[in-house]
Amino acid sequence: MALQALGWVLSDEDRASRFLALTGLTPDALRESLAEPGTLGAVLEFLCSHEPDLVGAADALGVKPQTLVGARESLSR
C-alpha cells in the first residue's frame, strides 16, 4: 500500500518536491531505499500529516483514509 501511495505522491511534481524536501530524501536515495520500512513509513507519515493529501491518496487508491493511517501505524511498530 505504501508503494502505491508513493506512486500517487510522485504523480504530482509539486507534491513530489514537497515530499522530498520534508523527508530529506534525494531521488536516488528514495530509489535505493524503497524496500525499507523507514522509507515506506515516511511516505505514509507524509500523507497523514496533510489531510488533503491523505484524502486524495485514499480516493486514488480506492481505500478509506483510515486504511492508510492503519498502514502507517503497522510500519511504526
PDB file of N, CA and C in Angstrom:
ATOM      1  N   MET A   1       0.824  -1.184   0.000  1.00  0.00           N
ATOM      2  CA  MET A   1       0.000   0.000   0.000  1.00  0.00           C
ATOM      3  C   MET A   1       0.874   1.256   0.000  1.00  0.00           C
ATOM      4  N   ALA A   2       1.952   1.228   0.759  1.00  0.00           N
ATOM      5  CA  ALA A   2       2.828   2.396   0.818  1.00  0.00           C
ATOM      6  C   ALA A   2       3.466   2.690  -0.539  1.00  0.00           C
ATOM      7  N   LEU A   3       3.798   1.642  -1.277  1.00  0.00           N
ATOM      8  CA  LEU A   3       4.377   1.866  -2.608  1.00  0.00           C
ATOM      9  C   LEU A   3       3.347   2.463  -3.561  1.00  0.00           C
ATOM     10  N   GLN A   4       2.113   2.022  -3.463  1.00  0.00           N
ATOM     11  CA  GLN A   4       1.061   2.618  -4.277  1.00  0.00           C
ATOM     12  C   GLN A   4       0.860   4.075  -3.886  1.00  0.00           C
ATOM     13  N   ALA A   5       0.906   4.350  -2.592  1.00  0.00           N
ATOM     14  CA  ALA A   5       0.764   5.725  -2.114  1.00  0.00           C
ATOM     15  C   ALA A   5       1.925   6.578  -2.617  1.00  0.00           C
ATOM     16  N   LEU A   6       3.120   6.003  -2.632  1.00  0.00           N
ATOM     17  CA  LEU A   6       4.271   6.739  -3.151  1.00  0.00           C
ATOM     18  C   LEU A   6       4.066   7.083  -4.620  1.00  0.00           C
ATOM     19  N   GLY A   7       3.539   6.163  -5.380  1.00  0.00           N
ATOM     20  CA  GLY A   7       3.239   6.448  -6.778  1.00  0.00           C
ATOM     21  C   GLY A   7       2.307   7.635  -6.914  1.00  0.00           C
ATOM     22  N   TRP A   8       1.310   7.699  -6.040  1.00  0.00           N
ATOM     23  CA  TRP A   8       0.383   8.830  -6.062  1.00  0.00           C
ATOM     24  C   TRP A   8       1.115  10.119  -5.689  1.00  0.00           C
ATOM     25  N   VAL A   9       1.942  10.066  -4.653  1.00  0.00           N
ATOM     26  CA  VAL A   9       2.702  11.256  -4.233  1.00  0.00           C
ATOM     27  C   VAL A   9       3.548  11.764  -5.388  1.00  0.00           C
ATOM     28  N   LEU A  10       4.224  10.863  -6.069  1.00  0.00           N
ATOM     29  CA  LEU A  10       5.157  11.249  -7.129  1.00  0.00           C
ATOM     30  C   LEU A  10       4.472  11.637  -8.432  1.00  0.00           C
ATOM     31  N   SER A  11       3.166  11.415  -8.509  1.00  0.00           N
ATOM     32  CA  SER A  11       2.451  11.742  -9.740  1.00  0.00           C
ATOM     33  C   SER A  11       2.220  13.240  -9.925  1.00  0.00           C
ATOM     34  N   ASP A  12       2.491  14.007  -8.902  1.00  0.00           N
ATOM     35  CA  ASP A  12       2.338  15.461  -8.968  1.00  0.00           C
ATOM     36  C   ASP A  12       3.678  16.094  -8.619  1.00  0.00           C
ATOM     37  N   GLU A  13       4.216  16.894  -9.502  1.00  0.00           N
ATOM     38  CA  GLU A  13       5.562  17.451  -9.315  1.00  0.00           C
ATOM     39  C   GLU A  13       5.694  18.282  -8.035  1.00  0.00           C
ATOM     40  N   ASP A  14       4.718  19.131  -7.762  1.00  0.00           N
ATOM     41  CA  ASP A  14       4.791  19.957  -6.547  1.00  0.00           C
ATOM     42  C   ASP A  14       4.738  19.097  -5.289  1.00  0.00           C
ATOM     43  N   ARG A  15       3.846  18.124  -5.287  1.00  0.00           N
ATOM     44  CA  ARG A  15       3.716  17.232  -4.129  1.00  0.00           C
ATOM     45  C   ARG A  15       4.986  16.402  -3.964  1.00  0.00           C
ATOM     46  N   ALA A  16       5.536  15.906  -5.069  1.00  0.00           N
ATOM     47  CA  ALA A  16       6.768  15.121  -5.010  1.00  0.00           C
ATOM     48  C   ALA A  16       7.918  15.958  -4.459  1.00  0.00           C
ATOM     49  N   SER A  17       8.012  17.201  -4.902  1.00  0.00           N
ATOM     50  CA  SER A  17       9.069  18.092  -4.401  1.00  0.00           C
ATOM     51  C   SER A  17       8.910  18.343  -2.913  1.00  0.00           C
ATOM     52  N   ARG A  18       7.666  18.533  -2.480  1.00  0.00           N
ATOM     53  CA  ARG A  18       7.407  18.755  -1.050  1.00  0.00           C
ATOM     54  C   ARG A  18       7.777  17.514  -0.245  1.00  0.00           C
ATOM     55  N   PHE A  19       7.436  16.339  -0.762  1.00  0.00           N
ATOM     56  CA  PHE A  19       7.782  15.091  -0.086  1.00  0.00           C
ATOM     57  C   PHE A  19       9.295  14.964   0.073  1.00  0.00           C
ATOM     58  N   LEU A  20      10.024  15.183  -1.011  1.00  0.00           N
ATOM     59  CA  LEU A  20      11.483  15.072  -0.934  1.00  0.00           C
ATOM     60  C   LEU A  20      12.070  16.099   0.016  1.00  0.00           C
ATOM     61  N   ALA A  21      11.551  17.315  -0.020  1.00  0.00           N
ATOM     62  CA  ALA A  21      12.067  18.365   0.867  1.00  0.00           C
ATOM     63  C   ALA A  21      11.798  18.036   2.336  1.00  0.00           C
ATOM     64  N   LEU A  22      10.608  17.561   2.621  1.00  0.00           N
ATOM     65  CA  LEU A  22      10.251  17.274   4.020  1.00  0.00           C
ATOM     66  C   LEU A  22      10.957  16.043   4.566  1.00  0.00           C
ATOM     67  N   THR A  23      11.207  15.062   3.709  1.00  0.00           N
ATOM     68  CA  THR A  23      11.868  13.847   4.177  1.00  0.00           C
ATOM     69  C   THR A  23      13.382  13.939   4.112  1.00  0.00           C
ATOM     70  N   GLY A  24      13.889  14.874   3.313  1.00  0.00           N
ATOM     71  CA  GLY A  24      15.330  14.979   3.148  1.00  0.00           C
ATOM     72  C   GLY A  24      15.898  13.947   2.189  1.00  0.00           C
ATOM     73  N   LEU A  25      15.024  13.184   1.545  1.00  0.00           N
ATOM     74  CA  LEU A  25      15.480  12.186   0.584  1.00  0.00           C
ATOM     75  C   LEU A  25      15.800  12.835  -0.756  1.00  0.00           C
ATOM     76  N   THR A  26      16.769  12.285  -1.427  1.00  0.00           N
ATOM     77  CA  THR A  26      17.034  12.657  -2.817  1.00  0.00           C
ATOM     78  C   THR A  26      16.346  11.603  -3.684  1.00  0.00           C
ATOM     79  N   PRO A  27      16.132  11.886  -4.954  1.00  0.00           N
ATOM     80  CA  PRO A  27      15.547  10.853  -5.809  1.00  0.00           C
ATOM     81  C   PRO A  27      16.343   9.545  -5.798  1.00  0.00           C
ATOM     82  N   ASP A  28      17.669   9.644  -5.809  1.00  0.00           N
ATOM     83  CA  ASP A  28      18.496   8.433  -5.776  1.00  0.00           C
ATOM     84  C   ASP A  28      18.339   7.678  -4.462  1.00  0.00           C
ATOM     85  N   ALA A  29      18.351   8.404  -3.354  1.00  0.00           N
ATOM     86  CA  ALA A  29      18.196   7.757  -2.052  1.00  0.00           C
ATOM     87  C   ALA A  29      16.814   7.120  -1.926  1.00  0.00           C
ATOM     88  N   LEU A  30      15.816   7.769  -2.478  1.00  0.00           N
ATOM     89  CA  LEU A  30      14.473   7.202  -2.453  1.00  0.00           C
ATOM     90  C   LEU A  30      14.450   5.883  -3.227  1.00  0.00           C
ATOM     91  N   ARG A  31      15.003   5.867  -4.418  1.00  0.00           N
ATOM     92  CA  ARG A  31      15.033   4.643  -5.231  1.00  0.00           C
ATOM     93  C   ARG A  31      15.756   3.513  -4.503  1.00  0.00           C
ATOM     94  N   GLU A  32      16.855   3.847  -3.851  1.00  0.00           N
ATOM     95  CA  GLU A  32      17.670   2.838  -3.168  1.00  0.00           C
ATOM     96  C   GLU A  32      17.005   2.291  -1.914  1.00  0.00           C
ATOM     97  N   SER A  33      16.075   3.039  -1.340  1.00  0.00           N
ATOM     98  CA  SER A  33      15.502   2.631  -0.054  1.00  0.00           C
ATOM     99  C   SER A  33      14.026   2.248  -0.135  1.00  0.00           C
ATOM    100  N   LEU A  34      13.530   1.967  -1.324  1.00  0.00           N
ATOM    101  CA  LEU A  34      12.108   1.675  -1.497  1.00  0.00           C
ATOM    102  C   LEU A  34      11.622   0.478  -0.684  1.00  0.00           C
ATOM    103  N   ALA A  35      12.478  -0.468  -0.386  1.00  0.00           N
ATOM    104  CA  ALA A  35      12.069  -1.655   0.358  1.00  0.00           C
ATOM    105  C   ALA A  35      12.220  -1.493   1.873  1.00  0.00           C
ATOM    106  N   GLU A  36      12.746  -0.362   2.306  1.00  0.00           N
ATOM    107  CA  GLU A  36      12.990  -0.167   3.735  1.00  0.00           C
ATOM    108  C   GLU A  36      11.733   0.330   4.442  1.00  0.00           C
ATOM    109  N   PRO A  37      11.415  -0.279   5.588  1.00  0.00           N
ATOM    110  CA  PRO A  37      10.237   0.153   6.339  1.00  0.00           C
ATOM    111  C   PRO A  37      10.255   1.644   6.691  1.00  0.00           C
ATOM    112  N   GLY A  38      11.416   2.188   6.955  1.00  0.00           N
ATOM    113  CA  GLY A  38      11.509   3.610   7.290  1.00  0.00           C
ATOM    114  C   GLY A  38      11.072   4.509   6.151  1.00  0.00           C
ATOM    115  N   THR A  39      11.447   4.151   4.949  1.00  0.00           N
ATOM    116  CA  THR A  39      11.047   4.933   3.775  1.00  0.00           C
ATOM    117  C   THR A  39       9.557   4.786   3.518  1.00  0.00           C
ATOM    118  N   LEU A  40       9.062   3.568   3.605  1.00  0.00           N
ATOM    119  CA  LEU A  40       7.632   3.344   3.403  1.00  0.00           C
ATOM    120  C   LEU A  40       6.816   4.064   4.469  1.00  0.00           C
ATOM    121  N   GLY A  41       7.322   4.038   5.692  1.00  0.00           N
ATOM    122  CA  GLY A  41       6.660   4.768   6.771  1.00  0.00           C
ATOM    123  C   GLY A  41       6.672   6.268   6.541  1.00  0.00           C
ATOM    124  N   ALA A  42       7.759   6.763   5.967  1.00  0.00           N
ATOM    125  CA  ALA A  42       7.855   8.197   5.681  1.00  0.00           C
ATOM    126  C   ALA A  42       6.817   8.620   4.645  1.00  0.00           C
ATOM    127  N   VAL A  43       6.552   7.750   3.688  1.00  0.00           N
ATOM    128  CA  VAL A  43       5.529   8.041   2.681  1.00  0.00           C
ATOM    129  C   VAL A  43       4.176   8.187   3.360  1.00  0.00           C
ATOM    130  N   LEU A  44       3.844   7.232   4.203  1.00  0.00           N
ATOM    131  CA  LEU A  44       2.540   7.259   4.876  1.00  0.00           C
ATOM    132  C   LEU A  44       2.463   8.393   5.892  1.00  0.00           C
ATOM    133  N   GLU A  45       3.549   8.671   6.560  1.00  0.00           N
ATOM    134  CA  GLU A  45       3.571   9.792   7.505  1.00  0.00           C
ATOM    135  C   GLU A  45       3.354  11.109   6.771  1.00  0.00           C
ATOM    136  N   PHE A  46       3.970  11.240   5.621  1.00  0.00           N
ATOM    137  CA  PHE A  46       3.793  12.432   4.792  1.00  0.00           C
ATOM    138  C   PHE A  46       2.315  12.642   4.479  1.00  0.00           C
ATOM    139  N   LEU A  47       1.648  11.580   4.074  1.00  0.00           N
ATOM    140  CA  LEU A  47       0.231  11.692   3.744  1.00  0.00           C
ATOM    141  C   LEU A  47      -0.615  11.991   4.973  1.00  0.00           C
ATOM    142  N   CYS A  48      -0.319  11.333   6.073  1.00  0.00           N
ATOM    143  CA  CYS A  48      -1.110  11.511   7.291  1.00  0.00           C
ATOM    144  C   CYS A  48      -0.917  12.891   7.912  1.00  0.00           C
ATOM    145  N   SER A  49       0.147  13.545   7.556  1.00  0.00           N
ATOM    146  CA  SER A  49       0.436  14.871   8.116  1.00  0.00           C
ATOM    147  C   SER A  49      -0.288  15.997   7.387  1.00  0.00           C
ATOM    148  N   HIS A  50      -0.941  15.683   6.280  1.00  0.00           N
ATOM    149  CA  HIS A  50      -1.630  16.711   5.489  1.00  0.00           C
ATOM    150  C   HIS A  50      -2.932  16.101   4.969  1.00  0.00           C
ATOM    151  N   GLU A  51      -4.023  16.429   5.634  1.00  0.00           N
ATOM    152  CA  GLU A  51      -5.304  15.773   5.351  1.00  0.00           C
ATOM    153  C   GLU A  51      -5.715  15.801   3.882  1.00  0.00           C
ATOM    154  N   PRO A  52      -5.543  16.909   3.165  1.00  0.00           N
ATOM    155  CA  PRO A  52      -5.920  16.869   1.743  1.00  0.00           C
ATOM    156  C   PRO A  52      -5.156  15.802   0.953  1.00  0.00           C
ATOM    157  N   ASP A  53      -3.890  15.618   1.265  1.00  0.00           N
ATOM    158  CA  ASP A  53      -3.115  14.569   0.594  1.00  0.00           C
ATOM    159  C   ASP A  53      -3.600  13.187   1.025  1.00  0.00           C
ATOM    160  N   LEU A  54      -3.878  13.025   2.301  1.00  0.00           N
ATOM    161  CA  LEU A  54      -4.367  11.745   2.804  1.00  0.00           C
ATOM    162  C   LEU A  54      -5.661  11.353   2.102  1.00  0.00           C
ATOM    163  N   VAL A  55      -6.588  12.275   2.029  1.00  0.00           N
ATOM    164  CA  VAL A  55      -7.875  12.008   1.384  1.00  0.00           C
ATOM    165  C   VAL A  55      -7.694  11.773  -0.114  1.00  0.00           C
ATOM    166  N   GLY A  56      -6.851  12.573  -0.753  1.00  0.00           N
ATOM    167  CA  GLY A  56      -6.606  12.407  -2.180  1.00  0.00           C
ATOM    168  C   GLY A  56      -5.977  11.063  -2.504  1.00  0.00           C
ATOM    169  N   ALA A  57      -5.006  10.667  -1.713  1.00  0.00           N
ATOM    170  CA  ALA A  57      -4.351   9.374  -1.938  1.00  0.00           C
ATOM    171  C   ALA A  57      -5.329   8.231  -1.702  1.00  0.00           C
ATOM    172  N   ALA A  58      -6.103   8.335  -0.644  1.00  0.00           N
ATOM    173  CA  ALA A  58      -7.084   7.291  -0.344  1.00  0.00           C
ATOM    174  C   ALA A  58      -8.084   7.152  -1.492  1.00  0.00           C
ATOM    175  N   ASP A  59      -8.572   8.269  -1.991  1.00  0.00           N
ATOM    176  CA  ASP A  59      -9.509   8.233  -3.122  1.00  0.00           C
ATOM    177  C   ASP A  59      -8.865   7.578  -4.341  1.00  0.00           C
ATOM    178  N   ALA A  60      -7.642   7.964  -4.635  1.00  0.00           N
ATOM    179  CA  ALA A  60      -6.954   7.426  -5.811  1.00  0.00           C
ATOM    180  C   ALA A  60      -6.686   5.926  -5.675  1.00  0.00           C
ATOM    181  N   LEU A  61      -6.439   5.476  -4.458  1.00  0.00           N
ATOM    182  CA  LEU A  61      -6.133   4.067  -4.229  1.00  0.00           C
ATOM    183  C   LEU A  61      -7.378   3.231  -3.968  1.00  0.00           C
ATOM    184  N   GLY A  62      -8.527   3.897  -3.825  1.00  0.00           N
ATOM    185  CA  GLY A  62      -9.769   3.176  -3.578  1.00  0.00           C
ATOM    186  C   GLY A  62      -9.889   2.595  -2.190  1.00  0.00           C
ATOM    187  N   VAL A  63      -9.284   3.294  -1.215  1.00  0.00           N
ATOM    188  CA  VAL A  63      -9.361   2.850   0.180  1.00  0.00           C
ATOM    189  C   VAL A  63      -9.830   4.015   1.048  1.00  0.00           C
ATOM    190  N   LYS A  64     -10.167   3.713   2.278  1.00  0.00           N
ATOM    191  CA  LYS A  64     -10.528   4.765   3.226  1.00  0.00           C
ATOM    192  C   LYS A  64      -9.248   5.382   3.788  1.00  0.00           C
ATOM    193  N   PRO A  65      -9.287   6.663   4.129  1.00  0.00           N
ATOM    194  CA  PRO A  65      -8.108   7.280   4.745  1.00  0.00           C
ATOM    195  C   PRO A  65      -7.606   6.504   5.966  1.00  0.00           C
ATOM    196  N   GLN A  66      -8.524   5.932   6.725  1.00  0.00           N
ATOM    197  CA  GLN A  66      -8.143   5.168   7.915  1.00  0.00           C
ATOM    198  C   GLN A  66      -7.271   3.965   7.562  1.00  0.00           C
ATOM    199  N   THR A  67      -7.440   3.443   6.364  1.00  0.00           N
ATOM    200  CA  THR A  67      -6.607   2.324   5.922  1.00  0.00           C
ATOM    201  C   THR A  67      -5.150   2.756   5.799  1.00  0.00           C
ATOM    202  N   LEU A  68      -4.935   3.941   5.263  1.00  0.00           N
ATOM    203  CA  LEU A  68      -3.565   4.460   5.150  1.00  0.00           C
ATOM    204  C   LEU A  68      -2.994   4.772   6.527  1.00  0.00           C
ATOM    205  N   VAL A  69      -3.814   5.302   7.403  1.00  0.00           N
ATOM    206  CA  VAL A  69      -3.366   5.585   8.776  1.00  0.00           C
ATOM    207  C   VAL A  69      -2.989   4.278   9.464  1.00  0.00           C
ATOM    208  N   GLY A  70      -3.806   3.253   9.289  1.00  0.00           N
ATOM    209  CA  GLY A  70      -3.506   1.954   9.880  1.00  0.00           C
ATOM    210  C   GLY A  70      -2.221   1.350   9.334  1.00  0.00           C
ATOM    211  N   ALA A  71      -1.995   1.512   8.044  1.00  0.00           N
ATOM    212  CA  ALA A  71      -0.749   1.011   7.447  1.00  0.00           C
ATOM    213  C   ALA A  71       0.452   1.733   8.041  1.00  0.00           C
ATOM    214  N   ARG A  72       0.319   3.040   8.256  1.00  0.00           N
ATOM    215  CA  ARG A  72       1.415   3.791   8.867  1.00  0.00           C
ATOM    216  C   ARG A  72       1.697   3.272  10.270  1.00  0.00           C
ATOM    217  N   GLU A  73       0.622   3.033  11.029  1.00  0.00           N
ATOM    218  CA  GLU A  73       0.808   2.541  12.389  1.00  0.00           C
ATOM    219  C   GLU A  73       1.445   1.159  12.402  1.00  0.00           C
ATOM    220  N   SER A  74       1.101   0.320  11.443  1.00  0.00           N
ATOM    221  CA  SER A  74       1.703  -1.009  11.350  1.00  0.00           C
ATOM    222  C   SER A  74       3.202  -0.940  11.075  1.00  0.00           C
ATOM    223  N   LEU A  75       3.591   0.000  10.228  1.00  0.00           N
ATOM    224  CA  LEU A  75       5.023   0.150   9.907  1.00  0.00           C
ATOM    225  C   LEU A  75       5.823   0.733  11.070  1.00  0.00           C
ATOM    226  N   SER A  76       5.167   1.475  11.933  1.00  0.00           N
ATOM    227  CA  SER A  76       5.898   2.123  13.027  1.00  0.00           C
ATOM    228  C   SER A  76       6.096   1.202  14.230  1.00  0.00           C
ATOM    229  N   ARG A  77       5.560  -0.005  14.173  1.00  0.00           N
ATOM    230  CA  ARG A  77       5.713  -0.939  15.301  1.00  0.00           C
ATOM    231  C   ARG A  77       7.044  -1.618  15.287  1.00  0.00           C
TER     232      ARG A  77
END
